[in-house]
Structures are given as C-alpha cells and as structure tokens.
Amino acid sequence: MRVTVYGRVQNVGFRMFVLEAARGMNVAGYVRNEYHGSVSVVAVDTRDTLERLLMALRRGPVHALVDHVGVDWQPGNPQGLTREFEVRA
C-alpha cells in the first residue's frame, strides 16, 4: 500500500505516530516527509492489517489536521524494504 497524507501533517509528530502504529501492527515499510508538505507511507502486510493502519493515518496524531488521504493498493513487495518499519529522510 502506498499512501500520501495531505493537510497539516509535518512538524506535528505525524511520522512518529505512523512509526509507532506500524510497528505495533508488525507492518514492514517506511514513512517520510515530502517536499510539498505531505507525508508518504509505504506499507506491506495483509489487507486487513493495512486497512487498520489506513484508519490510523486518516485520524493522525492530536496536533495533525488530515485533509485528504490518497491510497494506491499495489501487489507485491517494493524493493529495498526491511522487515522493521522505519522513518526515512
């Protein structure tokens, strides 16, 4: 699953929120800030688990304001993923 989260999602603890949620679900992948102010998430697991993570992304941490979430469901595992979810620059 590739997700782009738009709104007030940078400088509000969003990446750490995603990191904790994803690691708590044992999801592989990463989260990173994008130059235009959004946050990108790449996550790999079962559809049910990814749906739960997606619900958390739509909510976000307390100080975030999520305006829109774009989701692209893609089969398979992207290259370069480690099993442990991480924050990327």
Protein backbone atom coordinates (compact mmCIF):
# COMPACT_ATOMS: atom_id res chain seq x y z
CA MET A 1 0.00 0.00 0.00
CA ARG A 2 1.30 3.44 -0.93
CA VAL A 3 -0.35 6.34 0.88
CA THR A 4 0.04 10.10 0.67
CA VAL A 5 -1.42 12.08 3.55
CA TYR A 6 -2.23 15.76 2.96
CA GLY A 7 -3.02 18.53 5.43
CA ARG A 8 -1.17 19.80 8.47
CA VAL A 9 0.93 16.65 8.76
CA GLN A 10 4.51 17.91 9.09
CA ASN A 11 6.02 19.24 12.32
CA VAL A 12 3.18 17.71 14.36
CA GLY A 13 4.67 14.28 15.18
CA PHE A 14 2.97 12.52 12.28
CA ARG A 15 5.95 10.37 11.27
CA MET A 16 6.48 9.14 14.83
CA PHE A 17 2.74 8.47 15.11
CA VAL A 18 2.91 6.32 11.95
CA LEU A 19 6.09 4.59 13.11
CA GLU A 20 4.54 3.56 16.42
CA ALA A 21 1.27 2.44 14.81
CA ALA A 22 3.00 0.42 12.09
CA ARG A 23 5.47 -1.22 14.45
CA GLY A 24 2.62 -2.08 16.81
CA MET A 25 0.98 -3.95 13.93
CA ASN A 26 4.29 -5.53 12.75
CA VAL A 27 3.95 -3.85 9.35
CA ALA A 28 7.02 -3.54 7.08
CA GLY A 29 7.70 -0.29 5.24
CA TYR A 30 8.53 3.34 5.83
CA VAL A 31 7.20 6.85 6.33
CA ARG A 32 8.77 10.09 5.09
CA ASN A 33 8.01 13.77 4.69
CA GLU A 34 7.61 15.07 1.14
CA TYR A 35 8.94 18.44 -0.02
CA HIS A 36 5.46 19.83 -0.76
CA GLY A 37 4.21 19.28 2.80
CA SER A 38 2.58 15.87 2.64
CA VAL A 39 3.66 12.60 4.26
CA SER A 40 4.21 9.39 2.27
CA VAL A 41 3.79 5.90 3.66
CA VAL A 42 4.74 2.59 2.03
CA ALA A 43 3.46 -0.42 3.98
CA VAL A 44 3.36 -4.17 3.38
CA ASP A 45 1.23 -6.69 5.27
CA THR A 46 -2.16 -8.36 4.97
CA ARG A 47 -5.04 -6.31 3.61
CA ASP A 48 -6.83 -6.36 6.98
CA THR A 49 -3.78 -5.05 8.83
CA LEU A 50 -3.16 -2.35 6.22
CA GLU A 51 -6.81 -1.25 6.47
CA ARG A 52 -6.30 -0.77 10.23
CA LEU A 53 -3.16 1.27 9.59
CA LEU A 54 -5.03 3.32 7.00
CA MET A 55 -7.71 4.17 9.57
CA ALA A 56 -4.97 5.45 11.89
CA LEU A 57 -3.44 7.53 9.07
CA ARG A 58 -6.79 9.16 8.37
CA ARG A 59 -7.04 10.14 12.03
CA GLY A 60 -3.41 11.14 12.66
CA PRO A 61 -1.90 12.40 15.92
CA VAL A 62 -3.57 15.02 18.10
CA HIS A 63 -1.98 18.12 16.51
CA ALA A 64 -2.36 16.99 12.90
CA LEU A 65 -5.16 18.01 10.57
CA VAL A 66 -5.62 15.43 7.83
CA ASP A 67 -7.37 16.90 4.80
CA HIS A 68 -7.06 14.06 2.32
CA VAL A 69 -5.51 10.60 2.09
CA GLY A 70 -4.57 9.14 -1.29
CA VAL A 71 -4.21 5.35 -1.38
CA ASP A 72 -2.71 3.14 -4.07
CA TRP A 73 -3.03 -0.60 -3.47
CA GLN A 74 -0.19 -2.42 -5.21
CA PRO A 75 0.51 -6.16 -5.11
CA GLY A 76 3.91 -7.47 -4.06
CA ASN A 77 6.76 -6.04 -2.02
CA PRO A 78 8.62 -2.91 -3.12
CA GLN A 79 12.38 -3.35 -3.36
CA GLY A 80 14.55 -2.12 -0.53
CA LEU A 81 12.13 -2.66 2.34
CA THR A 82 13.36 -4.01 5.63
CA ARG A 83 11.07 -6.04 7.86
CA GLU A 84 11.07 -3.32 10.52
CA PHE A 85 9.08 -0.17 9.77
CA GLU A 86 11.29 2.94 9.60
CA VAL A 87 11.35 6.70 9.19
CA ARG A 88 13.17 7.85 6.06
CA ALA A 89 14.53 11.28 5.27
